[in-house]
Amino acid sequence: MDQGSHLRPGEDEELSILIGHTLLGLQDSFVRVMSRARQRVMEGFMVFSIVVLLLWIAAFLYSGFYYSYMPKAAFSSPVHYYYRADCESPASFLCSYPVANVSLMRNQKHVLTFGQAYRMSLQLEMPDSPTNRELGMFMIKTTCFSQDGQQVASSARSARQLLSASSSRFSMLRYRSDLLMYLRTLVFLPAFLTGVAEQEQVLEVELFSEYTDDPYAPSVTAVIEILSNKVQIYSSQLYIHAHFTGIRHLLFNFPLLSALVGVSSNFIFLSLLFVLSYLRLLFRVDLGVEQLRTDGLLSNRDRNLNINQHEDAAAGAAELMGPLQMTPTNLSQERTHL
């Protein structure tokens, strides 16, 4: 009984030690796993941050390229005509043709991009009046001027001749018989009375089919003159549309595909540069460590060689001066001997 009672405390102590070692091992394993997981999380976060940063830079580069390379696709401006009314003869109210000056500048910047072809057209909203129906064909002259007043381009187009080549409906006011006009008026009478619709026709005249601005004398003003003093106009609008070709055509007509290709190309290029820079930095660090190791080995080797050389020199000097060296003990021994 005494032996059993004496053995139990030892067994309990061994068991507690074993449990303690097990717990310590589990704690070490848990700490090791947590440190590895933390390291993986930090590495994943760093990779994610670098990828997001490269994507932002790629998107910024593509957007900068797009807005610097792509000109404005369309431009419109209202056209306000003026004319002289101080006529000497009372028979004619208008003394000159209707003329309008349209600025080709917005926010002190040129609307037209150098080297880009544009299509200029003039839209006329005209009343369906007997005067306009009797007017027939009329001419529209357009002249572009530079900053110093130099004439850059001129275009004199006939509404009938020009638009009949592309579309007959824009050549002149369409002919309608009196019976058709009466029936149309009766059908649309509520709209005419309420002001929802008007008795008008819209005429579109192409001024320039492919107008390219001169970089040495850029256009700042377009002068539009209607060569008829009997024309009646509600309103007028100048439209300028860019005619894109090549890369600009792809960028404008396929914006999503172009953005995907551009951002992806920039991202791949930036990623390649980043990987090469990182590998070069690692190579420099490894080379520096190896150089330090080799320098340390060489310095230790040189130090050992210097020590050995000093020791050999000291030994050689001692051998040469051996018979002449006399220590105090030797002198005392010689004196006692005498």
C-alpha atoms as a PDB file:
ATOM      1  CA  MET A   1       0.000   0.000   0.000  1.00  0.00           C
ATOM      2  CA  ASP A   2       2.836   2.338   0.873  1.00  0.00           C
ATOM      3  CA  GLN A   3       4.609   1.544  -2.359  1.00  0.00           C
ATOM      4  CA  GLY A   4       1.409   2.215  -4.342  1.00  0.00           C
ATOM      5  CA  SER A   5       0.902   5.448  -2.503  1.00  0.00           C
ATOM      6  CA  HIS A   6       4.500   6.414  -3.201  1.00  0.00           C
ATOM      7  CA  LEU A   7       4.173   5.578  -6.931  1.00  0.00           C
ATOM      8  CA  ARG A   8       0.998   7.487  -7.566  1.00  0.00           C
ATOM      9  CA  PRO A   9       2.486  10.946  -7.109  1.00  0.00           C
ATOM     10  CA  GLY A  10       5.281  10.090  -9.565  1.00  0.00           C
ATOM     11  CA  GLU A  11       2.838   8.782 -12.124  1.00  0.00           C
ATOM     12  CA  ASP A  12       0.697  11.863 -11.678  1.00  0.00           C
ATOM     13  CA  GLU A  13       3.750  14.030 -12.144  1.00  0.00           C
ATOM     14  CA  GLU A  14       4.778  12.173 -15.295  1.00  0.00           C
ATOM     15  CA  LEU A  15       1.229  12.397 -16.619  1.00  0.00           C
ATOM     16  CA  SER A  16       1.103  16.122 -15.914  1.00  0.00           C
ATOM     17  CA  ILE A  17       4.463  16.578 -17.643  1.00  0.00           C
ATOM     18  CA  LEU A  18       3.242  14.595 -20.637  1.00  0.00           C
ATOM     19  CA  ILE A  19       0.040  16.652 -20.785  1.00  0.00           C
ATOM     20  CA  GLY A  20       2.089  19.833 -20.495  1.00  0.00           C
ATOM     21  CA  HIS A  21       4.378  18.789 -23.355  1.00  0.00           C
ATOM     22  CA  THR A  22       1.335  17.877 -25.431  1.00  0.00           C
ATOM     23  CA  LEU A  23      -0.300  21.212 -24.725  1.00  0.00           C
ATOM     24  CA  LEU A  24       2.923  23.036 -25.526  1.00  0.00           C
ATOM     25  CA  GLY A  25       3.188  21.117 -28.795  1.00  0.00           C
ATOM     26  CA  LEU A  26      -0.396  21.954 -29.649  1.00  0.00           C
ATOM     27  CA  GLN A  27       0.219  25.594 -28.770  1.00  0.00           C
ATOM     28  CA  ASP A  28       3.336  25.686 -30.919  1.00  0.00           C
ATOM     29  CA  SER A  29       1.465  24.043 -33.795  1.00  0.00           C
ATOM     30  CA  PHE A  30      -1.426  26.487 -33.415  1.00  0.00           C
ATOM     31  CA  VAL A  31       0.938  29.470 -33.322  1.00  0.00           C
ATOM     32  CA  ARG A  32       2.798  28.132 -36.340  1.00  0.00           C
ATOM     33  CA  VAL A  33      -0.445  27.593 -38.273  1.00  0.00           C
ATOM     34  CA  MET A  34      -1.738  31.035 -37.311  1.00  0.00           C
ATOM     35  CA  SER A  35       1.543  32.678 -38.315  1.00  0.00           C
ATOM     36  CA  ARG A  36       1.464  30.895 -41.664  1.00  0.00           C
ATOM     37  CA  ALA A  37      -2.179  31.848 -42.195  1.00  0.00           C
ATOM     38  CA  ARG A  38      -1.398  35.448 -41.258  1.00  0.00           C
ATOM     39  CA  GLN A  39       1.542  35.439 -43.643  1.00  0.00           C
ATOM     40  CA  ARG A  40      -0.641  34.035 -46.427  1.00  0.00           C
ATOM     41  CA  VAL A  41      -3.324  36.631 -45.725  1.00  0.00           C
ATOM     42  CA  MET A  42      -0.753  39.432 -45.808  1.00  0.00           C
ATOM     43  CA  GLU A  43       0.731  38.099 -49.035  1.00  0.00           C
ATOM     44  CA  GLY A  44      -2.733  37.783 -50.600  1.00  0.00           C
ATOM     45  CA  PHE A  45      -3.617  41.315 -49.498  1.00  0.00           C
ATOM     46  CA  MET A  46      -0.372  42.662 -50.954  1.00  0.00           C
ATOM     47  CA  VAL A  47      -0.967  40.858 -54.260  1.00  0.00           C
ATOM     48  CA  PHE A  48      -4.576  42.081 -54.376  1.00  0.00           C
ATOM     49  CA  SER A  49      -3.480  45.661 -53.636  1.00  0.00           C
ATOM     50  CA  ILE A  50      -0.809  45.538 -56.352  1.00  0.00           C
ATOM     51  CA  VAL A  51      -3.277  44.109 -58.887  1.00  0.00           C
ATOM     52  CA  VAL A  52      -5.878  46.781 -58.068  1.00  0.00           C
ATOM     53  CA  LEU A  53      -3.242  49.506 -58.285  1.00  0.00           C
ATOM     54  CA  LEU A  54      -2.042  48.225 -61.665  1.00  0.00           C
ATOM     55  CA  LEU A  55      -5.635  48.070 -62.912  1.00  0.00           C
ATOM     56  CA  TRP A  56      -6.252  51.668 -61.826  1.00  0.00           C
ATOM     57  CA  ILE A  57      -3.076  52.817 -63.534  1.00  0.00           C
ATOM     58  CA  ALA A  58      -3.976  50.882 -66.708  1.00  0.00           C
ATOM     59  CA  ALA A  59      -7.485  52.392 -66.758  1.00  0.00           C
ATOM     60  CA  PHE A  60      -6.080  55.875 -66.152  1.00  0.00           C
ATOM     61  CA  LEU A  61      -3.582  55.500 -68.994  1.00  0.00           C
ATOM     62  CA  TYR A  62      -6.282  54.276 -71.379  1.00  0.00           C
ATOM     63  CA  SER A  63      -8.682  57.081 -70.434  1.00  0.00           C
ATOM     64  CA  GLY A  64      -5.926  59.656 -70.877  1.00  0.00           C
ATOM     65  CA  PHE A  65      -5.076  58.227 -74.277  1.00  0.00           C
ATOM     66  CA  TYR A  66      -8.757  58.106 -75.286  1.00  0.00           C
ATOM     67  CA  TYR A  67      -9.572  61.699 -74.370  1.00  0.00           C
ATOM     68  CA  SER A  68      -6.365  63.042 -75.873  1.00  0.00           C
ATOM     69  CA  TYR A  69      -6.592  61.044 -79.111  1.00  0.00           C
ATOM     70  CA  MET A  70     -10.342  61.045 -79.765  1.00  0.00           C
ATOM     71  CA  PRO A  71     -11.803  64.353 -80.987  1.00  0.00           C
ATOM     72  CA  LYS A  72     -15.315  65.504 -80.292  1.00  0.00           C
ATOM     73  CA  ALA A  73     -17.701  63.384 -82.335  1.00  0.00           C
ATOM     74  CA  ALA A  74     -20.458  65.944 -82.865  1.00  0.00           C
ATOM     75  CA  PHE A  75     -20.955  69.665 -82.492  1.00  0.00           C
ATOM     76  CA  SER A  76     -24.074  71.751 -82.958  1.00  0.00           C
ATOM     77  CA  SER A  77     -24.738  75.442 -82.719  1.00  0.00           C
ATOM     78  CA  PRO A  78     -27.778  77.601 -83.365  1.00  0.00           C
ATOM     79  CA  VAL A  79     -27.524  79.903 -86.370  1.00  0.00           C
ATOM     80  CA  HIS A  80     -28.882  83.419 -85.979  1.00  0.00           C
ATOM     81  CA  TYR A  81     -29.185  85.457 -89.187  1.00  0.00           C
ATOM     82  CA  TYR A  82     -28.999  89.180 -89.582  1.00  0.00           C
ATOM     83  CA  TYR A  83     -29.573  91.460 -92.559  1.00  0.00           C
ATOM     84  CA  ARG A  84     -29.855  95.107 -93.478  1.00  0.00           C
ATOM     85  CA  ALA A  85     -33.253  96.745 -93.375  1.00  0.00           C
ATOM     86  CA  ASP A  86     -32.383 100.375 -94.200  1.00  0.00           C
ATOM     87  CA  CYS A  87     -33.558 100.122 -97.780  1.00  0.00           C
ATOM     88  CA  GLU A  88     -34.006 103.164 -99.945  1.00  0.00           C
ATOM     89  CA  SER A  89     -36.830 101.678-101.998  1.00  0.00           C
ATOM     90  CA  PRO A  90     -39.965 100.849 -99.988  1.00  0.00           C
ATOM     91  CA  ALA A  91     -40.744  97.948-102.277  1.00  0.00           C
ATOM     92  CA  SER A  92     -38.041  95.719-100.750  1.00  0.00           C
ATOM     93  CA  PHE A  93     -37.775  95.249 -96.992  1.00  0.00           C
ATOM     94  CA  LEU A  94     -34.539  93.234 -97.007  1.00  0.00           C
ATOM     95  CA  CYS A  95     -31.531  95.066 -98.419  1.00  0.00           C
ATOM     96  CA  SER A  96     -29.111  92.152 -98.073  1.00  0.00           C
ATOM     97  CA  TYR A  97     -29.096  88.388 -97.878  1.00  0.00           C
ATOM     98  CA  PRO A  98     -29.470  86.725 -94.470  1.00  0.00           C
ATOM     99  CA  VAL A  99     -25.976  86.219 -92.986  1.00  0.00           C
ATOM    100  CA  ALA A 100     -24.906  84.444 -89.792  1.00  0.00           C
ATOM    101  CA  ASN A 101     -21.570  84.184 -87.980  1.00  0.00           C
ATOM    102  CA  VAL A 102     -21.064  80.890 -86.145  1.00  0.00           C
ATOM    103  CA  SER A 103     -18.144  80.553 -83.753  1.00  0.00           C
ATOM    104  CA  LEU A 104     -16.099  77.359 -83.996  1.00  0.00           C
ATOM    105  CA  MET A 105     -14.617  77.884 -80.529  1.00  0.00           C
ATOM    106  CA  ARG A 106     -15.823  76.502 -77.212  1.00  0.00           C
ATOM    107  CA  ASN A 107     -14.230  77.573 -73.933  1.00  0.00           C
ATOM    108  CA  GLN A 108     -11.399  79.197 -75.898  1.00  0.00           C
ATOM    109  CA  LYS A 109     -10.601  75.873 -77.584  1.00  0.00           C
ATOM    110  CA  HIS A 110     -10.987  74.826 -81.188  1.00  0.00           C
ATOM    111  CA  VAL A 111     -13.945  72.577 -81.896  1.00  0.00           C
ATOM    112  CA  LEU A 112     -12.292  71.040 -84.963  1.00  0.00           C
ATOM    113  CA  THR A 113      -9.318  68.735 -84.530  1.00  0.00           C
ATOM    114  CA  PHE A 114      -6.422  69.036 -86.939  1.00  0.00           C
ATOM    115  CA  GLY A 115      -6.232  66.222 -89.463  1.00  0.00           C
ATOM    116  CA  GLN A 116      -9.778  64.989 -88.770  1.00  0.00           C
ATOM    117  CA  ALA A 117     -12.394  64.994 -91.530  1.00  0.00           C
ATOM    118  CA  TYR A 118     -15.772  66.516 -90.669  1.00  0.00           C
ATOM    119  CA  ARG A 119     -19.163  66.683 -92.294  1.00  0.00           C
ATOM    120  CA  MET A 120     -20.916  70.052 -91.953  1.00  0.00           C
ATOM    121  CA  SER A 121     -24.625  70.351 -92.550  1.00  0.00           C
ATOM    122  CA  LEU A 122     -27.179  73.092 -92.078  1.00  0.00           C
ATOM    123  CA  GLN A 123     -30.679  72.304 -90.905  1.00  0.00           C
ATOM    124  CA  LEU A 124     -33.383  74.804 -91.807  1.00  0.00           C
ATOM    125  CA  GLU A 125     -36.809  74.803 -90.233  1.00  0.00           C
ATOM    126  CA  MET A 126     -39.010  76.644 -92.721  1.00  0.00           C
ATOM    127  CA  PRO A 127     -42.723  77.391 -92.743  1.00  0.00           C
ATOM    128  CA  ASP A 128     -44.822  75.727 -95.384  1.00  0.00           C
ATOM    129  CA  SER A 129     -45.904  79.077 -96.749  1.00  0.00           C
ATOM    130  CA  PRO A 130     -46.754  80.096-100.322  1.00  0.00           C
ATOM    131  CA  THR A 131     -43.636  82.311-100.414  1.00  0.00           C
ATOM    132  CA  ASN A 132     -41.303  79.416 -99.661  1.00  0.00           C
ATOM    133  CA  ARG A 133     -43.160  77.147-102.071  1.00  0.00           C
ATOM    134  CA  GLU A 134     -42.768  79.708-104.832  1.00  0.00           C
ATOM    135  CA  LEU A 135     -39.124  80.331-103.912  1.00  0.00           C
ATOM    136  CA  GLY A 136     -37.845  77.141-105.500  1.00  0.00           C
ATOM    137  CA  MET A 137     -34.073  76.661-105.552  1.00  0.00           C
ATOM    138  CA  PHE A 138     -31.827  78.862-103.410  1.00  0.00           C
ATOM    139  CA  MET A 139     -28.094  78.935-102.697  1.00  0.00           C
ATOM    140  CA  ILE A 140     -26.321  78.661 -99.347  1.00  0.00           C
ATOM    141  CA  LYS A 141     -22.760  79.945 -99.158  1.00  0.00           C
ATOM    142  CA  THR A 142     -20.452  79.002 -96.289  1.00  0.00           C
ATOM    143  CA  THR A 143     -17.028  80.515 -95.664  1.00  0.00           C
ATOM    144  CA  CYS A 144     -14.608  79.605 -92.861  1.00  0.00           C
ATOM    145  CA  PHE A 145     -12.196  82.224 -91.523  1.00  0.00           C
ATOM    146  CA  SER A 146      -9.095  81.950 -89.354  1.00  0.00           C
ATOM    147  CA  GLN A 147      -8.110  84.108 -86.399  1.00  0.00           C
ATOM    148  CA  ASP A 148      -6.423  86.784 -88.532  1.00  0.00           C
ATOM    149  CA  GLY A 149      -9.418  87.029 -90.876  1.00  0.00           C
ATOM    150  CA  GLN A 150      -7.946  84.864 -93.614  1.00  0.00           C
ATOM    151  CA  GLN A 151     -10.397  82.871 -95.699  1.00  0.00           C
ATOM    152  CA  VAL A 152      -9.740  79.181 -95.059  1.00  0.00           C
ATOM    153  CA  ALA A 153     -12.485  77.450 -97.066  1.00  0.00           C
ATOM    154  CA  SER A 154     -15.562  78.385 -99.015  1.00  0.00           C
ATOM    155  CA  SER A 155     -18.599  76.434-100.136  1.00  0.00           C
ATOM    156  CA  ALA A 156     -21.515  77.578-102.247  1.00  0.00           C
ATOM    157  CA  ARG A 157     -24.169  74.899-102.453  1.00  0.00           C
ATOM    158  CA  SER A 158     -27.565  74.763-104.067  1.00  0.00           C
ATOM    159  CA  ALA A 159     -30.173  73.197-101.872  1.00  0.00           C
ATOM    160  CA  ARG A 160     -31.874  71.475-104.795  1.00  0.00           C
ATOM    161  CA  GLN A 161     -28.739  70.342-106.652  1.00  0.00           C
ATOM    162  CA  LEU A 162     -26.866  69.169-103.586  1.00  0.00           C
ATOM    163  CA  LEU A 163     -29.579  67.277-101.797  1.00  0.00           C
ATOM    164  CA  SER A 164     -31.098  65.724-104.873  1.00  0.00           C
ATOM    165  CA  ALA A 165     -27.839  63.792-105.240  1.00  0.00           C
ATOM    166  CA  SER A 166     -28.203  62.229-101.774  1.00  0.00           C
ATOM    167  CA  SER A 167     -31.881  62.460-100.955  1.00  0.00           C
ATOM    168  CA  SER A 168     -34.710  64.140-102.858  1.00  0.00           C
ATOM    169  CA  ARG A 169     -36.741  64.940 -99.760  1.00  0.00           C
ATOM    170  CA  PHE A 170     -34.173  67.501 -98.637  1.00  0.00           C
ATOM    171  CA  SER A 171     -33.857  69.260-101.991  1.00  0.00           C
ATOM    172  CA  MET A 172     -36.618  71.826-101.464  1.00  0.00           C
ATOM    173  CA  LEU A 173     -40.033  72.156 -99.952  1.00  0.00           C
ATOM    174  CA  ARG A 174     -42.101  69.220-100.993  1.00  0.00           C
ATOM    175  CA  TYR A 175     -44.941  69.863-103.320  1.00  0.00           C
ATOM    176  CA  ARG A 176     -48.409  69.421-101.906  1.00  0.00           C
ATOM    177  CA  SER A 177     -51.579  70.040-103.867  1.00  0.00           C
ATOM    178  CA  ASP A 178     -54.254  72.320-102.514  1.00  0.00           C
ATOM    179  CA  LEU A 179     -56.590  69.395-101.831  1.00  0.00           C
ATOM    180  CA  LEU A 180     -53.854  67.543 -99.900  1.00  0.00           C
ATOM    181  CA  MET A 181     -53.084  70.642 -97.879  1.00  0.00           C
ATOM    182  CA  TYR A 182     -56.759  71.110 -96.998  1.00  0.00           C
ATOM    183  CA  LEU A 183     -57.086  67.481 -95.938  1.00  0.00           C
ATOM    184  CA  ARG A 184     -53.884  67.633 -93.885  1.00  0.00           C
ATOM    185  CA  THR A 185     -55.050  70.804 -92.208  1.00  0.00           C
ATOM    186  CA  LEU A 186     -58.370  69.196 -91.293  1.00  0.00           C
ATOM    187  CA  VAL A 187     -56.719  66.052 -89.959  1.00  0.00           C
ATOM    188  CA  PHE A 188     -54.132  67.918 -87.853  1.00  0.00           C
ATOM    189  CA  LEU A 189     -56.418  70.786 -86.966  1.00  0.00           C
ATOM    190  CA  PRO A 190     -56.479  69.979 -83.200  1.00  0.00           C
ATOM    191  CA  ALA A 191     -52.675  69.796 -83.125  1.00  0.00           C
ATOM    192  CA  PHE A 192     -52.364  73.031 -85.057  1.00  0.00           C
ATOM    193  CA  LEU A 193     -54.826  74.788 -82.763  1.00  0.00           C
ATOM    194  CA  THR A 194     -53.131  73.601 -79.570  1.00  0.00           C
ATOM    195  CA  GLY A 195     -49.632  74.358 -80.880  1.00  0.00           C
ATOM    196  CA  VAL A 196     -48.417  70.766 -80.725  1.00  0.00           C
ATOM    197  CA  ALA A 197     -47.654  70.737 -84.471  1.00  0.00           C
ATOM    198  CA  GLU A 198     -46.936  73.445 -87.007  1.00  0.00           C
ATOM    199  CA  GLN A 199     -47.210  73.737 -90.747  1.00  0.00           C
ATOM    200  CA  GLU A 200     -43.519  73.546 -91.484  1.00  0.00           C
ATOM    201  CA  GLN A 201     -40.864  71.585 -93.334  1.00  0.00           C
ATOM    202  CA  VAL A 202     -37.297  70.769 -92.312  1.00  0.00           C
ATOM    203  CA  LEU A 203     -34.605  71.127 -94.950  1.00  0.00           C
ATOM    204  CA  GLU A 204     -31.051  69.807 -94.469  1.00  0.00           C
ATOM    205  CA  VAL A 205     -28.198  71.033 -96.659  1.00  0.00           C
ATOM    206  CA  GLU A 206     -24.731  69.483 -96.634  1.00  0.00           C
ATOM    207  CA  LEU A 207     -22.156  72.275 -96.607  1.00  0.00           C
ATOM    208  CA  PHE A 208     -18.927  70.232 -96.518  1.00  0.00           C
ATOM    209  CA  SER A 209     -18.730  66.487 -96.977  1.00  0.00           C
ATOM    210  CA  GLU A 210     -15.120  66.075 -95.771  1.00  0.00           C
ATOM    211  CA  TYR A 211     -13.783  69.257 -94.263  1.00  0.00           C
ATOM    212  CA  THR A 212     -10.283  69.097 -92.747  1.00  0.00           C
ATOM    213  CA  ASP A 213      -9.046  72.018 -90.702  1.00  0.00           C
ATOM    214  CA  ASP A 214      -5.694  73.599 -91.531  1.00  0.00           C
ATOM    215  CA  PRO A 215      -3.271  73.371 -88.568  1.00  0.00           C
ATOM    216  CA  TYR A 216      -1.399  76.497 -89.691  1.00  0.00           C
ATOM    217  CA  ALA A 217      -4.597  78.557 -90.067  1.00  0.00           C
ATOM    218  CA  PRO A 218      -7.308  76.917 -87.934  1.00  0.00           C
ATOM    219  CA  SER A 219     -10.883  77.984 -88.489  1.00  0.00           C
ATOM    220  CA  VAL A 220     -12.476  80.020 -85.732  1.00  0.00           C
ATOM    221  CA  THR A 221     -15.578  81.360 -87.492  1.00  0.00           C
ATOM    222  CA  ALA A 222     -17.992  80.097 -90.144  1.00  0.00           C
ATOM    223  CA  VAL A 223     -20.027  82.651 -92.095  1.00  0.00           C
ATOM    224  CA  ILE A 224     -23.254  81.263 -93.532  1.00  0.00           C
ATOM    225  CA  GLU A 225     -25.116  83.296 -96.127  1.00  0.00           C
ATOM    226  CA  ILE A 226     -28.415  82.380 -97.774  1.00  0.00           C
ATOM    227  CA  LEU A 227     -28.463  83.871-101.244  1.00  0.00           C
ATOM    228  CA  SER A 228     -32.116  84.789-101.263  1.00  0.00           C
ATOM    229  CA  ASN A 229     -33.847  87.733 -99.675  1.00  0.00           C
ATOM    230  CA  LYS A 230     -37.283  86.135 -99.840  1.00  0.00           C
ATOM    231  CA  VAL A 231     -36.612  82.981 -97.847  1.00  0.00           C
ATOM    232  CA  GLN A 232     -38.596  82.549 -94.637  1.00  0.00           C
ATOM    233  CA  ILE A 233     -36.974  80.611 -91.784  1.00  0.00           C
ATOM    234  CA  TYR A 234     -38.231  79.638 -88.354  1.00  0.00           C
ATOM    235  CA  SER A 235     -34.879  78.461 -86.977  1.00  0.00           C
ATOM    236  CA  SER A 236     -31.576  77.112 -88.174  1.00  0.00           C
ATOM    237  CA  GLN A 237     -28.967  74.786 -86.718  1.00  0.00           C
ATOM    238  CA  LEU A 238     -25.399  73.976 -87.766  1.00  0.00           C
ATOM    239  CA  TYR A 239     -24.294  70.375 -87.267  1.00  0.00           C
ATOM    240  CA  ILE A 240     -20.698  69.142 -87.465  1.00  0.00           C
ATOM    241  CA  HIS A 241     -20.081  65.394 -87.364  1.00  0.00           C
ATOM    242  CA  ALA A 242     -16.648  63.779 -87.334  1.00  0.00           C
ATOM    243  CA  HIS A 243     -15.972  61.099 -89.926  1.00  0.00           C
ATOM    244  CA  PHE A 244     -13.780  58.601 -88.071  1.00  0.00           C
ATOM    245  CA  THR A 245     -11.496  56.131 -89.807  1.00  0.00           C
ATOM    246  CA  GLY A 246      -8.938  53.583 -88.627  1.00  0.00           C
ATOM    247  CA  ILE A 247      -8.324  53.351 -84.884  1.00  0.00           C
ATOM    248  CA  ARG A 248     -10.703  56.222 -84.136  1.00  0.00           C
ATOM    249  CA  HIS A 249     -13.472  54.359 -85.926  1.00  0.00           C
ATOM    250  CA  LEU A 250     -12.903  51.325 -83.691  1.00  0.00           C
ATOM    251  CA  LEU A 251     -12.650  53.416 -80.529  1.00  0.00           C
ATOM    252  CA  PHE A 252     -15.868  55.282 -81.287  1.00  0.00           C
ATOM    253  CA  ASN A 253     -18.041  52.446 -82.617  1.00  0.00           C
ATOM    254  CA  PHE A 254     -16.787  49.717 -80.241  1.00  0.00           C
ATOM    255  CA  PRO A 255     -16.061  51.556 -76.978  1.00  0.00           C
ATOM    256  CA  LEU A 256     -16.443  48.591 -74.576  1.00  0.00           C
ATOM    257  CA  LEU A 257     -14.307  46.230 -76.655  1.00  0.00           C
ATOM    258  CA  SER A 258     -11.695  48.933 -77.199  1.00  0.00           C
ATOM    259  CA  ALA A 259     -11.625  49.743 -73.474  1.00  0.00           C
ATOM    260  CA  LEU A 260     -11.252  46.062 -72.580  1.00  0.00           C
ATOM    261  CA  VAL A 261      -8.400  45.560 -75.040  1.00  0.00           C
ATOM    262  CA  GLY A 262      -6.668  48.811 -74.061  1.00  0.00           C
ATOM    263  CA  VAL A 263      -6.893  48.294 -70.289  1.00  0.00           C
ATOM    264  CA  SER A 264      -5.824  44.639 -70.616  1.00  0.00           C
ATOM    265  CA  SER A 265      -2.825  45.573 -72.759  1.00  0.00           C
ATOM    266  CA  ASN A 266      -1.769  48.273 -70.304  1.00  0.00           C
ATOM    267  CA  PHE A 267      -2.246  45.898 -67.356  1.00  0.00           C
ATOM    268  CA  ILE A 268      -0.137  43.162 -68.963  1.00  0.00           C
ATOM    269  CA  PHE A 269       2.591  45.650 -69.842  1.00  0.00           C
ATOM    270  CA  LEU A 270       2.634  47.152 -66.329  1.00  0.00           C
ATOM    271  CA  SER A 271       2.598  43.700 -64.723  1.00  0.00           C
ATOM    272  CA  LEU A 272       5.556  42.638 -66.853  1.00  0.00           C
ATOM    273  CA  LEU A 273       7.464  45.752 -65.844  1.00  0.00           C
ATOM    274  CA  PHE A 274       6.636  45.164 -62.173  1.00  0.00           C
ATOM    275  CA  VAL A 275       7.740  41.507 -62.278  1.00  0.00           C
ATOM    276  CA  LEU A 276      10.989  42.383 -64.058  1.00  0.00           C
ATOM    277  CA  SER A 277      11.710  45.178 -61.578  1.00  0.00           C
ATOM    278  CA  TYR A 278      10.992  42.846 -58.644  1.00  0.00           C
ATOM    279  CA  LEU A 279      13.244  40.118 -60.050  1.00  0.00           C
ATOM    280  CA  ARG A 280      15.981  42.650 -60.652  1.00  0.00           C
ATOM    281  CA  LEU A 281      15.681  43.870 -57.072  1.00  0.00           C
ATOM    282  CA  LEU A 282      15.872  40.305 -55.737  1.00  0.00           C
ATOM    283  CA  PHE A 283      18.889  39.616 -57.929  1.00  0.00           C
ATOM    284  CA  ARG A 284      20.599  42.725 -56.575  1.00  0.00           C
ATOM    285  CA  VAL A 285      19.861  41.712 -52.976  1.00  0.00           C
ATOM    286  CA  ASP A 286      21.186  38.175 -53.514  1.00  0.00           C
ATOM    287  CA  LEU A 287      24.232  39.517 -55.297  1.00  0.00           C
ATOM    288  CA  GLY A 288      24.855  41.975 -52.479  1.00  0.00           C
ATOM    289  CA  VAL A 289      24.602  39.223 -49.847  1.00  0.00           C
ATOM    290  CA  GLU A 290      26.980  36.968 -51.781  1.00  0.00           C
ATOM    291  CA  GLN A 291      29.374  39.864 -52.233  1.00  0.00           C
ATOM    292  CA  LEU A 292      29.281  40.595 -48.510  1.00  0.00           C
ATOM    293  CA  ARG A 293      29.959  36.936 -47.776  1.00  0.00           C
ATOM    294  CA  THR A 294      32.849  36.778 -50.204  1.00  0.00           C
ATOM    295  CA  ASP A 295      34.206  40.063 -48.853  1.00  0.00           C
ATOM    296  CA  GLY A 296      33.943  38.696 -45.316  1.00  0.00           C
ATOM    297  CA  LEU A 297      35.727  35.482 -46.259  1.00  0.00           C
ATOM    298  CA  LEU A 298      38.428  37.405 -48.068  1.00  0.00           C
ATOM    299  CA  SER A 299      38.899  39.770 -45.139  1.00  0.00           C
ATOM    300  CA  ASN A 300      39.169  36.857 -42.681  1.00  0.00           C
ATOM    301  CA  ARG A 301      41.605  35.108 -45.005  1.00  0.00           C
ATOM    302  CA  ASP A 302      43.699  38.257 -45.336  1.00  0.00           C
ATOM    303  CA  ARG A 303      43.613  38.757 -41.592  1.00  0.00           C
ATOM    304  CA  ASN A 304      44.808  35.186 -40.959  1.00  0.00           C
ATOM    305  CA  LEU A 305      47.540  35.615 -43.546  1.00  0.00           C
ATOM    306  CA  ASN A 306      48.697  38.840 -41.904  1.00  0.00           C
ATOM    307  CA  ILE A 307      48.727  37.197 -38.463  1.00  0.00           C
ATOM    308  CA  ASN A 308      50.687  34.231 -39.786  1.00  0.00           C
ATOM    309  CA  GLN A 309      53.134  36.550 -41.506  1.00  0.00           C
ATOM    310  CA  HIS A 310      53.662  38.528 -38.269  1.00  0.00           C
ATOM    311  CA  GLU A 311      54.138  35.330 -36.295  1.00  0.00           C
ATOM    312  CA  ASP A 312      56.655  33.967 -38.826  1.00  0.00           C
ATOM    313  CA  ALA A 313      58.524  37.251 -38.812  1.00  0.00           C
ATOM    314  CA  ALA A 314      58.649  37.292 -35.005  1.00  0.00           C
ATOM    315  CA  ALA A 315      59.847  33.680 -34.904  1.00  0.00           C
ATOM    316  CA  GLY A 316      62.559  34.367 -37.456  1.00  0.00           C
ATOM    317  CA  ALA A 317      63.781  37.404 -35.523  1.00  0.00           C
ATOM    318  CA  ALA A 318      63.859  35.379 -32.313  1.00  0.00           C
ATOM    319  CA  GLU A 319      65.919  32.661 -33.961  1.00  0.00           C
ATOM    320  CA  LEU A 320      68.368  35.217 -35.318  1.00  0.00           C
ATOM    321  CA  MET A 321      68.743  36.976 -31.964  1.00  0.00           C
ATOM    322  CA  GLY A 322      68.724  33.746 -29.909  1.00  0.00           C
ATOM    323  CA  PRO A 323      72.431  33.695 -28.818  1.00  0.00           C
ATOM    324  CA  LEU A 324      72.398  37.380 -27.918  1.00  0.00           C
ATOM    325  CA  GLN A 325      69.227  37.371 -25.851  1.00  0.00           C
ATOM    326  CA  MET A 326      69.866  37.239 -22.105  1.00  0.00           C
ATOM    327  CA  THR A 327      67.074  37.030 -19.617  1.00  0.00           C
ATOM    328  CA  PRO A 328      67.413  38.183 -15.968  1.00  0.00           C
ATOM    329  CA  THR A 329      67.312  34.573 -14.760  1.00  0.00           C
ATOM    330  CA  ASN A 330      70.227  33.692 -16.973  1.00  0.00           C
ATOM    331  CA  LEU A 331      72.212  36.649 -15.657  1.00  0.00           C
ATOM    332  CA  SER A 332      71.539  35.700 -12.025  1.00  0.00           C
ATOM    333  CA  GLN A 333      72.571  32.140 -12.678  1.00  0.00           C
ATOM    334  CA  GLU A 334      75.830  33.269 -14.229  1.00  0.00           C
ATOM    335  CA  ARG A 335      76.590  35.595 -11.288  1.00  0.00           C
ATOM    336  CA  THR A 336      76.008  32.809  -8.708  1.00  0.00           C
ATOM    337  CA  HIS A 337      78.158  30.510 -10.730  1.00  0.00           C
ATOM    338  CA  LEU A 338      80.969  32.990 -10.624  1.00  0.00           C
END
